[in-house]
Amino acid sequence: MSQNSAVRDEQIQAINGRESIRNYRTLALKSALSLEVKGMKRRGRSAYAMVKDEFGFRGNKQKVLDQLQAYADEHILGSN
């Protein structure tokens, strides 16, 4: 039975609690929006539309991504 060493060495971490889930979702939206800025498309509602609705940011995709990055730096990544 052969396993991929990257999977075997990686640690699994649980995400629980409202704040942790919200922070993880924000970072996932940031990643998705970054891919949309680079030209990738997705089915359903775009990350761009979700971020604009949830955070009230305005501007084109790149400007919204910049605002979301600043938000994540201040509220999520800066809190560690």
Foldseek 3Di string as FASTA:
>chain_A
DDDDVVVVPDDDDDQDDDVSVVLVVLVVLLVQLVVVVVPDDDPDDGSQVVLCVPVVDDDDSVRSSVVSVVVCVPPPVVVD
